[in-house]
Amino acid sequence: MTTTFERLSAILVKDYKVPARDLAPETTLESLGIDSLAAAELFFSAEDVFHITMPPEAVPLATLGDVVAYLDALIAQQHGGDAGTGPADQGARGPELP
């Protein structure tokens, strides 16, 4: 089974051309060059990959570990812990960088 971190890393490698060796839970989004606009795009991608809906409330997420924990919580909340089983709604504001 692929972990949330591995799936998020795959998005970052593919869409943001970030070397996989640079990705660790303690890596900050800022150090990867991900600003608020890029973060919004990342979370739209995450909605599609994880079949979740980002809530409209802004949540400060600084590291990849923070993002993974937030995604895991949303997956558990929206799918009873079973990632990848529900539809994703579009248009929510979602998390933001601190």
PDB file of N, CA and C in Angstrom:
ATOM      1  N   MET A   1       0.842  -1.180   0.000  1.00  0.00           N
ATOM      2  CA  MET A   1       0.000   0.000   0.000  1.00  0.00           C
ATOM      3  C   MET A   1       0.892   1.251   0.000  1.00  0.00           C
ATOM      4  N   THR A   2       0.536   2.206  -0.792  1.00  0.00           N
ATOM      5  CA  THR A   2       1.278   3.456  -0.905  1.00  0.00           C
ATOM      6  C   THR A   2       0.826   4.411   0.199  1.00  0.00           C
ATOM      7  N   THR A   3       1.787   5.036   0.862  1.00  0.00           N
ATOM      8  CA  THR A   3       1.452   5.957   1.943  1.00  0.00           C
ATOM      9  C   THR A   3       1.058   7.326   1.391  1.00  0.00           C
ATOM     10  N   THR A   4       0.445   8.119   2.250  1.00  0.00           N
ATOM     11  CA  THR A   4       0.083   9.484   1.885  1.00  0.00           C
ATOM     12  C   THR A   4       1.331  10.270   1.505  1.00  0.00           C
ATOM     13  N   PHE A   5       2.409  10.101   2.283  1.00  0.00           N
ATOM     14  CA  PHE A   5       3.655  10.807   1.989  1.00  0.00           C
ATOM     15  C   PHE A   5       4.179  10.422   0.608  1.00  0.00           C
ATOM     16  N   GLU A   6       4.139   9.145   0.272  1.00  0.00           N
ATOM     17  CA  GLU A   6       4.625   8.697  -1.038  1.00  0.00           C
ATOM     18  C   GLU A   6       3.773   9.269  -2.168  1.00  0.00           C
ATOM     19  N   ARG A   7       2.470   9.315  -1.972  1.00  0.00           N
ATOM     20  CA  ARG A   7       1.589   9.858  -3.004  1.00  0.00           C
ATOM     21  C   ARG A   7       1.784  11.365  -3.161  1.00  0.00           C
ATOM     22  N   LEU A   8       1.944  12.064  -2.031  1.00  0.00           N
ATOM     23  CA  LEU A   8       2.211  13.499  -2.082  1.00  0.00           C
ATOM     24  C   LEU A   8       3.560  13.758  -2.746  1.00  0.00           C
ATOM     25  N   SER A   9       4.544  12.965  -2.404  1.00  0.00           N
ATOM     26  CA  SER A   9       5.872  13.097  -3.013  1.00  0.00           C
ATOM     27  C   SER A   9       5.803  12.907  -4.523  1.00  0.00           C
ATOM     28  N   ALA A  10       5.007  11.952  -4.972  1.00  0.00           N
ATOM     29  CA  ALA A  10       4.865  11.715  -6.403  1.00  0.00           C
ATOM     30  C   ALA A  10       4.303  12.947  -7.116  1.00  0.00           C
ATOM     31  N   ILE A  11       3.353  13.627  -6.482  1.00  0.00           N
ATOM     32  CA  ILE A  11       2.812  14.861  -7.056  1.00  0.00           C
ATOM     33  C   ILE A  11       3.911  15.908  -7.164  1.00  0.00           C
ATOM     34  N   LEU A  12       4.676  16.062  -6.101  1.00  0.00           N
ATOM     35  CA  LEU A  12       5.735  17.078  -6.081  1.00  0.00           C
ATOM     36  C   LEU A  12       6.820  16.780  -7.109  1.00  0.00           C
ATOM     37  N   VAL A  13       7.171  15.529  -7.272  1.00  0.00           N
ATOM     38  CA  VAL A  13       8.195  15.151  -8.260  1.00  0.00           C
ATOM     39  C   VAL A  13       7.672  15.393  -9.669  1.00  0.00           C
ATOM     40  N   LYS A  14       6.453  14.974  -9.931  1.00  0.00           N
ATOM     41  CA  LYS A  14       5.893  15.070 -11.282  1.00  0.00           C
ATOM     42  C   LYS A  14       5.536  16.510 -11.669  1.00  0.00           C
ATOM     43  N   ASP A  15       4.775  17.181 -10.810  1.00  0.00           N
ATOM     44  CA  ASP A  15       4.229  18.497 -11.170  1.00  0.00           C
ATOM     45  C   ASP A  15       5.147  19.668 -10.839  1.00  0.00           C
ATOM     46  N   TYR A  16       6.016  19.493  -9.845  1.00  0.00           N
ATOM     47  CA  TYR A  16       6.863  20.600  -9.394  1.00  0.00           C
ATOM     48  C   TYR A  16       8.346  20.343  -9.648  1.00  0.00           C
ATOM     49  N   LYS A  17       8.631  19.203 -10.245  1.00  0.00           N
ATOM     50  CA  LYS A  17      10.016  18.838 -10.607  1.00  0.00           C
ATOM     51  C   LYS A  17      10.963  18.893  -9.409  1.00  0.00           C
ATOM     52  N   VAL A  18      10.460  18.518  -8.240  1.00  0.00           N
ATOM     53  CA  VAL A  18      11.273  18.474  -7.028  1.00  0.00           C
ATOM     54  C   VAL A  18      11.967  17.114  -6.988  1.00  0.00           C
ATOM     55  N   PRO A  19      13.282  17.078  -6.800  1.00  0.00           N
ATOM     56  CA  PRO A  19      13.974  15.793  -6.687  1.00  0.00           C
ATOM     57  C   PRO A  19      13.476  15.011  -5.470  1.00  0.00           C
ATOM     58  N   ALA A  20      13.180  13.749  -5.657  1.00  0.00           N
ATOM     59  CA  ALA A  20      12.660  12.910  -4.576  1.00  0.00           C
ATOM     60  C   ALA A  20      13.595  12.914  -3.370  1.00  0.00           C
ATOM     61  N   ARG A  21      14.892  13.017  -3.613  1.00  0.00           N
ATOM     62  CA  ARG A  21      15.862  13.007  -2.504  1.00  0.00           C
ATOM     63  C   ARG A  21      15.707  14.224  -1.595  1.00  0.00           C
ATOM     64  N   ASP A  22      15.041  15.281  -2.067  1.00  0.00           N
ATOM     65  CA  ASP A  22      14.837  16.487  -1.272  1.00  0.00           C
ATOM     66  C   ASP A  22      13.593  16.424  -0.393  1.00  0.00           C
ATOM     67  N   LEU A  23      12.843  15.338  -0.489  1.00  0.00           N
ATOM     68  CA  LEU A  23      11.566  15.254   0.203  1.00  0.00           C
ATOM     69  C   LEU A  23      11.680  14.410   1.463  1.00  0.00           C
ATOM     70  N   ALA A  24      11.301  15.022   2.565  1.00  0.00           N
ATOM     71  CA  ALA A  24      11.262  14.365   3.871  1.00  0.00           C
ATOM     72  C   ALA A  24      10.139  15.023   4.662  1.00  0.00           C
ATOM     73  N   PRO A  25       9.608  14.355   5.671  1.00  0.00           N
ATOM     74  CA  PRO A  25       8.514  14.957   6.444  1.00  0.00           C
ATOM     75  C   PRO A  25       8.841  16.332   7.014  1.00  0.00           C
ATOM     76  N   GLU A  26      10.098  16.572   7.350  1.00  0.00           N
ATOM     77  CA  GLU A  26      10.471  17.865   7.940  1.00  0.00           C
ATOM     78  C   GLU A  26      10.774  18.940   6.894  1.00  0.00           C
ATOM     79  N   THR A  27      10.749  18.599   5.616  1.00  0.00           N
ATOM     80  CA  THR A  27      10.994  19.567   4.547  1.00  0.00           C
ATOM     81  C   THR A  27       9.876  20.599   4.520  1.00  0.00           C
ATOM     82  N   THR A  28      10.255  21.867   4.485  1.00  0.00           N
ATOM     83  CA  THR A  28       9.233  22.915   4.426  1.00  0.00           C
ATOM     84  C   THR A  28       8.797  23.152   2.985  1.00  0.00           C
ATOM     85  N   LEU A  29       7.560  23.558   2.834  1.00  0.00           N
ATOM     86  CA  LEU A  29       7.064  23.909   1.504  1.00  0.00           C
ATOM     87  C   LEU A  29       7.854  25.096   0.970  1.00  0.00           C
ATOM     88  N   GLU A  30       8.178  26.025   1.845  1.00  0.00           N
ATOM     89  CA  GLU A  30       8.936  27.205   1.448  1.00  0.00           C
ATOM     90  C   GLU A  30      10.303  26.814   0.868  1.00  0.00           C
ATOM     91  N   SER A  31      10.975  25.839   1.489  1.00  0.00           N
ATOM     92  CA  SER A  31      12.294  25.430   0.999  1.00  0.00           C
ATOM     93  C   SER A  31      12.210  24.760  -0.372  1.00  0.00           C
ATOM     94  N   LEU A  32      11.027  24.269  -0.721  1.00  0.00           N
ATOM     95  CA  LEU A  32      10.816  23.659  -2.033  1.00  0.00           C
ATOM     96  C   LEU A  32      10.393  24.691  -3.069  1.00  0.00           C
ATOM     97  N   GLY A  33      10.265  25.952  -2.636  1.00  0.00           N
ATOM     98  CA  GLY A  33       9.853  27.005  -3.555  1.00  0.00           C
ATOM     99  C   GLY A  33       8.360  27.031  -3.784  1.00  0.00           C
ATOM    100  N   ILE A  34       7.600  26.437  -2.891  1.00  0.00           N
ATOM    101  CA  ILE A  34       6.146  26.393  -3.037  1.00  0.00           C
ATOM    102  C   ILE A  34       5.553  27.563  -2.273  1.00  0.00           C
ATOM    103  N   ASP A  35       5.092  28.568  -3.037  1.00  0.00           N
ATOM    104  CA  ASP A  35       4.453  29.737  -2.445  1.00  0.00           C
ATOM    105  C   ASP A  35       2.958  29.469  -2.306  1.00  0.00           C
ATOM    106  N   SER A  36       2.202  30.479  -1.911  1.00  0.00           N
ATOM    107  CA  SER A  36       0.775  30.263  -1.658  1.00  0.00           C
ATOM    108  C   SER A  36       0.014  29.840  -2.913  1.00  0.00           C
ATOM    109  N   LEU A  37       0.371  30.382  -4.069  1.00  0.00           N
ATOM    110  CA  LEU A  37      -0.294  29.981  -5.315  1.00  0.00           C
ATOM    111  C   LEU A  37       0.033  28.531  -5.660  1.00  0.00           C
ATOM    112  N   ALA A  38       1.296  28.164  -5.564  1.00  0.00           N
ATOM    113  CA  ALA A  38       1.696  26.783  -5.841  1.00  0.00           C
ATOM    114  C   ALA A  38       1.077  25.833  -4.826  1.00  0.00           C
ATOM    115  N   ALA A  39       0.951  26.278  -3.580  1.00  0.00           N
ATOM    116  CA  ALA A  39       0.323  25.440  -2.555  1.00  0.00           C
ATOM    117  C   ALA A  39      -1.140  25.186  -2.901  1.00  0.00           C
ATOM    118  N   ALA A  40      -1.832  26.216  -3.372  1.00  0.00           N
ATOM    119  CA  ALA A  40      -3.230  26.046  -3.767  1.00  0.00           C
ATOM    120  C   ALA A  40      -3.338  25.022  -4.892  1.00  0.00           C
ATOM    121  N   GLU A  41      -2.452  25.105  -5.866  1.00  0.00           N
ATOM    122  CA  GLU A  41      -2.444  24.127  -6.966  1.00  0.00           C
ATOM    123  C   GLU A  41      -2.135  22.732  -6.445  1.00  0.00           C
ATOM    124  N   LEU A  42      -1.201  22.639  -5.500  1.00  0.00           N
ATOM    125  CA  LEU A  42      -0.867  21.343  -4.909  1.00  0.00           C
ATOM    126  C   LEU A  42      -2.083  20.741  -4.231  1.00  0.00           C
ATOM    127  N   PHE A  43      -2.841  21.555  -3.506  1.00  0.00           N
ATOM    128  CA  PHE A  43      -4.007  21.031  -2.804  1.00  0.00           C
ATOM    129  C   PHE A  43      -5.139  20.666  -3.761  1.00  0.00           C
ATOM    130  N   PHE A  44      -5.249  21.348  -4.889  1.00  0.00           N
ATOM    131  CA  PHE A  44      -6.220  20.921  -5.903  1.00  0.00           C
ATOM    132  C   PHE A  44      -5.817  19.557  -6.457  1.00  0.00           C
ATOM    133  N   SER A  45      -4.531  19.353  -6.685  1.00  0.00           N
ATOM    134  CA  SER A  45      -4.045  18.049  -7.138  1.00  0.00           C
ATOM    135  C   SER A  45      -4.315  16.982  -6.084  1.00  0.00           C
ATOM    136  N   ALA A  46      -4.088  17.339  -4.820  1.00  0.00           N
ATOM    137  CA  ALA A  46      -4.325  16.393  -3.726  1.00  0.00           C
ATOM    138  C   ALA A  46      -5.799  16.001  -3.660  1.00  0.00           C
ATOM    139  N   GLU A  47      -6.690  16.949  -3.922  1.00  0.00           N
ATOM    140  CA  GLU A  47      -8.121  16.614  -3.945  1.00  0.00           C
ATOM    141  C   GLU A  47      -8.392  15.504  -4.957  1.00  0.00           C
ATOM    142  N   ASP A  48      -7.804  15.621  -6.137  1.00  0.00           N
ATOM    143  CA  ASP A  48      -8.013  14.623  -7.183  1.00  0.00           C
ATOM    144  C   ASP A  48      -7.375  13.282  -6.827  1.00  0.00           C
ATOM    145  N   VAL A  49      -6.147  13.314  -6.350  1.00  0.00           N
ATOM    146  CA  VAL A  49      -5.411  12.079  -6.056  1.00  0.00           C
ATOM    147  C   VAL A  49      -6.015  11.331  -4.870  1.00  0.00           C
ATOM    148  N   PHE A  50      -6.393  12.073  -3.826  1.00  0.00           N
ATOM    149  CA  PHE A  50      -6.887  11.447  -2.603  1.00  0.00           C
ATOM    150  C   PHE A  50      -8.408  11.377  -2.537  1.00  0.00           C
ATOM    151  N   HIS A  51      -9.086  11.917  -3.540  1.00  0.00           N
ATOM    152  CA  HIS A  51     -10.553  11.910  -3.588  1.00  0.00           C
ATOM    153  C   HIS A  51     -11.139  12.518  -2.317  1.00  0.00           C
ATOM    154  N   ILE A  52     -10.669  13.722  -2.006  1.00  0.00           N
ATOM    155  CA  ILE A  52     -11.147  14.458  -0.846  1.00  0.00           C
ATOM    156  C   ILE A  52     -11.545  15.859  -1.274  1.00  0.00           C
ATOM    157  N   THR A  53     -12.192  16.556  -0.361  1.00  0.00           N
ATOM    158  CA  THR A  53     -12.547  17.954  -0.561  1.00  0.00           C
ATOM    159  C   THR A  53     -11.855  18.762   0.512  1.00  0.00           C
ATOM    160  N   MET A  54     -11.089  19.743   0.088  1.00  0.00           N
ATOM    161  CA  MET A  54     -10.439  20.632   1.035  1.00  0.00           C
ATOM    162  C   MET A  54     -11.481  21.583   1.596  1.00  0.00           C
ATOM    163  N   PRO A  55     -11.532  21.740   2.914  1.00  0.00           N
ATOM    164  CA  PRO A  55     -12.479  22.686   3.495  1.00  0.00           C
ATOM    165  C   PRO A  55     -12.079  24.132   3.177  1.00  0.00           C
ATOM    166  N   PRO A  56     -13.023  25.052   3.253  1.00  0.00           N
ATOM    167  CA  PRO A  56     -12.710  26.446   2.915  1.00  0.00           C
ATOM    168  C   PRO A  56     -11.855  27.153   3.954  1.00  0.00           C
ATOM    169  N   GLU A  57     -11.789  26.619   5.184  1.00  0.00           N
ATOM    170  CA  GLU A  57     -10.989  27.257   6.227  1.00  0.00           C
ATOM    171  C   GLU A  57      -9.507  27.091   5.918  1.00  0.00           C
ATOM    172  N   ALA A  58      -8.770  28.171   6.112  1.00  0.00           N
ATOM    173  CA  ALA A  58      -7.322  28.125   5.912  1.00  0.00           C
ATOM    174  C   ALA A  58      -6.665  27.457   7.112  1.00  0.00           C
ATOM    175  N   VAL A  59      -5.697  26.592   6.832  1.00  0.00           N
ATOM    176  CA  VAL A  59      -4.957  25.890   7.872  1.00  0.00           C
ATOM    177  C   VAL A  59      -3.472  26.096   7.583  1.00  0.00           C
ATOM    178  N   PRO A  60      -2.718  26.616   8.560  1.00  0.00           N
ATOM    179  CA  PRO A  60      -1.286  26.818   8.311  1.00  0.00           C
ATOM    180  C   PRO A  60      -0.548  25.474   8.299  1.00  0.00           C
ATOM    181  N   LEU A  61       0.118  25.204   7.205  1.00  0.00           N
ATOM    182  CA  LEU A  61       0.881  23.969   7.039  1.00  0.00           C
ATOM    183  C   LEU A  61       2.281  24.346   6.572  1.00  0.00           C
ATOM    184  N   ALA A  62       3.280  24.068   7.379  1.00  0.00           N
ATOM    185  CA  ALA A  62       4.636  24.500   7.059  1.00  0.00           C
ATOM    186  C   ALA A  62       5.480  23.410   6.413  1.00  0.00           C
ATOM    187  N   THR A  63       5.327  22.169   6.859  1.00  0.00           N
ATOM    188  CA  THR A  63       6.186  21.086   6.382  1.00  0.00           C
ATOM    189  C   THR A  63       5.381  20.041   5.630  1.00  0.00           C
ATOM    190  N   LEU A  64       6.095  19.174   4.915  1.00  0.00           N
ATOM    191  CA  LEU A  64       5.421  18.065   4.240  1.00  0.00           C
ATOM    192  C   LEU A  64       4.749  17.158   5.258  1.00  0.00           C
ATOM    193  N   GLY A  65       5.355  17.001   6.424  1.00  0.00           N
ATOM    194  CA  GLY A  65       4.738  16.209   7.487  1.00  0.00           C
ATOM    195  C   GLY A  65       3.415  16.800   7.934  1.00  0.00           C
ATOM    196  N   ASP A  66       3.362  18.142   8.023  1.00  0.00           N
ATOM    197  CA  ASP A  66       2.112  18.824   8.363  1.00  0.00           C
ATOM    198  C   ASP A  66       1.043  18.547   7.300  1.00  0.00           C
ATOM    199  N   VAL A  67       1.443  18.620   6.037  1.00  0.00           N
ATOM    200  CA  VAL A  67       0.511  18.387   4.934  1.00  0.00           C
ATOM    201  C   VAL A  67       0.005  16.951   4.980  1.00  0.00           C
ATOM    202  N   VAL A  68       0.894  15.993   5.192  1.00  0.00           N
ATOM    203  CA  VAL A  68       0.507  14.577   5.257  1.00  0.00           C
ATOM    204  C   VAL A  68      -0.469  14.346   6.410  1.00  0.00           C
ATOM    205  N   ALA A  69      -0.172  14.895   7.579  1.00  0.00           N
ATOM    206  CA  ALA A  69      -1.067  14.722   8.725  1.00  0.00           C
ATOM    207  C   ALA A  69      -2.444  15.323   8.435  1.00  0.00           C
ATOM    208  N   TYR A  70      -2.457  16.489   7.794  1.00  0.00           N
ATOM    209  CA  TYR A  70      -3.723  17.137   7.442  1.00  0.00           C
ATOM    210  C   TYR A  70      -4.501  16.295   6.422  1.00  0.00           C
ATOM    211  N   LEU A  71      -3.805  15.815   5.403  1.00  0.00           N
ATOM    212  CA  LEU A  71      -4.464  14.964   4.400  1.00  0.00           C
ATOM    213  C   LEU A  71      -4.995  13.685   5.035  1.00  0.00           C
ATOM    214  N   ASP A  72      -4.202  13.058   5.899  1.00  0.00           N
ATOM    215  CA  ASP A  72      -4.655  11.834   6.567  1.00  0.00           C
ATOM    216  C   ASP A  72      -5.907  12.089   7.394  1.00  0.00           C
ATOM    217  N   ALA A  73      -5.952  13.241   8.078  1.00  0.00           N
ATOM    218  CA  ALA A  73      -7.136  13.581   8.870  1.00  0.00           C
ATOM    219  C   ALA A  73      -8.361  13.781   7.975  1.00  0.00           C
ATOM    220  N   LEU A  74      -8.173  14.459   6.846  1.00  0.00           N
ATOM    221  CA  LEU A  74      -9.288  14.655   5.910  1.00  0.00           C
ATOM    222  C   LEU A  74      -9.752  13.328   5.319  1.00  0.00           C
ATOM    223  N   ILE A  75      -8.811  12.472   4.979  1.00  0.00           N
ATOM    224  CA  ILE A  75      -9.163  11.158   4.425  1.00  0.00           C
ATOM    225  C   ILE A  75      -9.969  10.370   5.451  1.00  0.00           C
ATOM    226  N   ALA A  76      -9.507  10.346   6.690  1.00  0.00           N
ATOM    227  CA  ALA A  76     -10.221   9.615   7.741  1.00  0.00           C
ATOM    228  C   ALA A  76     -11.614  10.189   7.954  1.00  0.00           C
ATOM    229  N   GLN A  77     -11.702  11.519   7.948  1.00  0.00           N
ATOM    230  CA  GLN A  77     -12.983  12.186   8.164  1.00  0.00           C
ATOM    231  C   GLN A  77     -13.947  11.938   7.007  1.00  0.00           C
ATOM    232  N   GLN A  78     -13.448  12.030   5.781  1.00  0.00           N
ATOM    233  CA  GLN A  78     -14.328  11.965   4.618  1.00  0.00           C
ATOM    234  C   GLN A  78     -14.554  10.554   4.100  1.00  0.00           C
ATOM    235  N   HIS A  79     -13.656   9.634   4.461  1.00  0.00           N
ATOM    236  CA  HIS A  79     -13.769   8.270   3.929  1.00  0.00           C
ATOM    237  C   HIS A  79     -13.640   7.205   4.998  1.00  0.00           C
ATOM    238  N   GLY A  80     -13.747   7.594   6.224  1.00  0.00           N
ATOM    239  CA  GLY A  80     -13.625   6.622   7.295  1.00  0.00           C
ATOM    240  C   GLY A  80     -12.261   5.957   7.322  1.00  0.00           C
ATOM    241  N   GLY A  81     -11.230   6.685   6.902  1.00  0.00           N
ATOM    242  CA  GLY A  81      -9.875   6.154   6.908  1.00  0.00           C
ATOM    243  C   GLY A  81      -9.491   5.441   5.638  1.00  0.00           C
ATOM    244  N   ASP A  82     -10.430   5.283   4.695  1.00  0.00           N
ATOM    245  CA  ASP A  82     -10.157   4.561   3.456  1.00  0.00           C
ATOM    246  C   ASP A  82      -9.879   5.551   2.334  1.00  0.00           C
ATOM    247  N   ALA A  83      -8.607   5.846   2.094  1.00  0.00           N
ATOM    248  CA  ALA A  83      -8.222   6.822   1.074  1.00  0.00           C
ATOM    249  C   ALA A  83      -8.597   6.342  -0.319  1.00  0.00           C
ATOM    250  N   GLY A  84      -8.998   7.303  -1.141  1.00  0.00           N
ATOM    251  CA  GLY A  84      -9.196   7.021  -2.551  1.00  0.00           C
ATOM    252  C   GLY A  84     -10.519   6.406  -2.915  1.00  0.00           C
ATOM    253  N   THR A  85     -11.584   6.610  -2.099  1.00  0.00           N
ATOM    254  CA  THR A  85     -12.844   5.968  -2.429  1.00  0.00           C
ATOM    255  C   THR A  85     -13.984   6.926  -2.739  1.00  0.00           C
ATOM    256  N   GLY A  86     -13.788   8.210  -2.509  1.00  0.00           N
ATOM    257  CA  GLY A  86     -14.899   9.135  -2.694  1.00  0.00           C
ATOM    258  C   GLY A  86     -14.626  10.176  -3.748  1.00  0.00           C
ATOM    259  N   PRO A  87     -15.682  10.885  -4.191  1.00  0.00           N
ATOM    260  CA  PRO A  87     -15.507  11.935  -5.188  1.00  0.00           C
ATOM    261  C   PRO A  87     -14.902  13.184  -4.574  1.00  0.00           C
ATOM    262  N   ALA A  88     -14.226  13.949  -5.383  1.00  0.00           N
ATOM    263  CA  ALA A  88     -13.643  15.218  -4.932  1.00  0.00           C
ATOM    264  C   ALA A  88     -14.486  16.361  -5.452  1.00  0.00           C
ATOM    265  N   ASP A  89     -14.866  17.267  -4.559  1.00  0.00           N
ATOM    266  CA  ASP A  89     -15.555  18.483  -4.968  1.00  0.00           C
ATOM    267  C   ASP A  89     -14.507  19.548  -5.219  1.00  0.00           C
ATOM    268  N   GLN A  90     -14.745  20.435  -6.140  1.00  0.00           N
ATOM    269  CA  GLN A  90     -13.787  21.476  -6.486  1.00  0.00           C
ATOM    270  C   GLN A  90     -14.253  22.817  -5.942  1.00  0.00           C
ATOM    271  N   GLY A  91     -13.325  23.774  -5.860  1.00  0.00           N
ATOM    272  CA  GLY A  91     -13.676  25.138  -5.550  1.00  0.00           C
ATOM    273  C   GLY A  91     -13.394  25.583  -4.131  1.00  0.00           C
ATOM    274  N   ALA A  92     -12.942  24.707  -3.253  1.00  0.00           N
ATOM    275  CA  ALA A  92     -12.660  25.117  -1.885  1.00  0.00           C
ATOM    276  C   ALA A  92     -11.330  25.849  -1.808  1.00  0.00           C
ATOM    277  N   ARG A  93     -11.184  26.710  -0.811  1.00  0.00           N
ATOM    278  CA  ARG A  93      -9.952  27.468  -0.639  1.00  0.00           C
ATOM    279  C   ARG A  93      -8.838  26.595  -0.079  1.00  0.00           C
ATOM    280  N   GLY A  94      -9.086  25.863   0.997  1.00  0.00           N
ATOM    281  CA  GLY A  94      -8.135  24.911   1.534  1.00  0.00           C
ATOM    282  C   GLY A  94      -6.987  25.517   2.324  1.00  0.00           C
ATOM    283  N   PRO A  95      -5.977  24.700   2.594  1.00  0.00           N
ATOM    284  CA  PRO A  95      -4.851  25.105   3.437  1.00  0.00           C
ATOM    285  C   PRO A  95      -4.032  26.240   2.826  1.00  0.00           C
ATOM    286  N   GLU A  96      -3.263  26.884   3.697  1.00  0.00           N
ATOM    287  CA  GLU A  96      -2.403  27.974   3.238  1.00  0.00           C
ATOM    288  C   GLU A  96      -1.047  27.853   3.921  1.00  0.00           C
ATOM    289  N   LEU A  97      -0.085  28.511   3.353  1.00  0.00           N
ATOM    290  CA  LEU A  97       1.242  28.557   3.965  1.00  0.00           C
ATOM    291  C   LEU A  97       1.225  29.550   5.105  1.00  0.00           C
ATOM    292  N   PRO A  98       2.034  29.307   6.137  1.00  0.00           N
ATOM    293  CA  PRO A  98       2.061  30.244   7.266  1.00  0.00           C
ATOM    294  C   PRO A  98       2.650  31.582   6.871  1.00  0.00           C
TER     295      PRO A  98
END
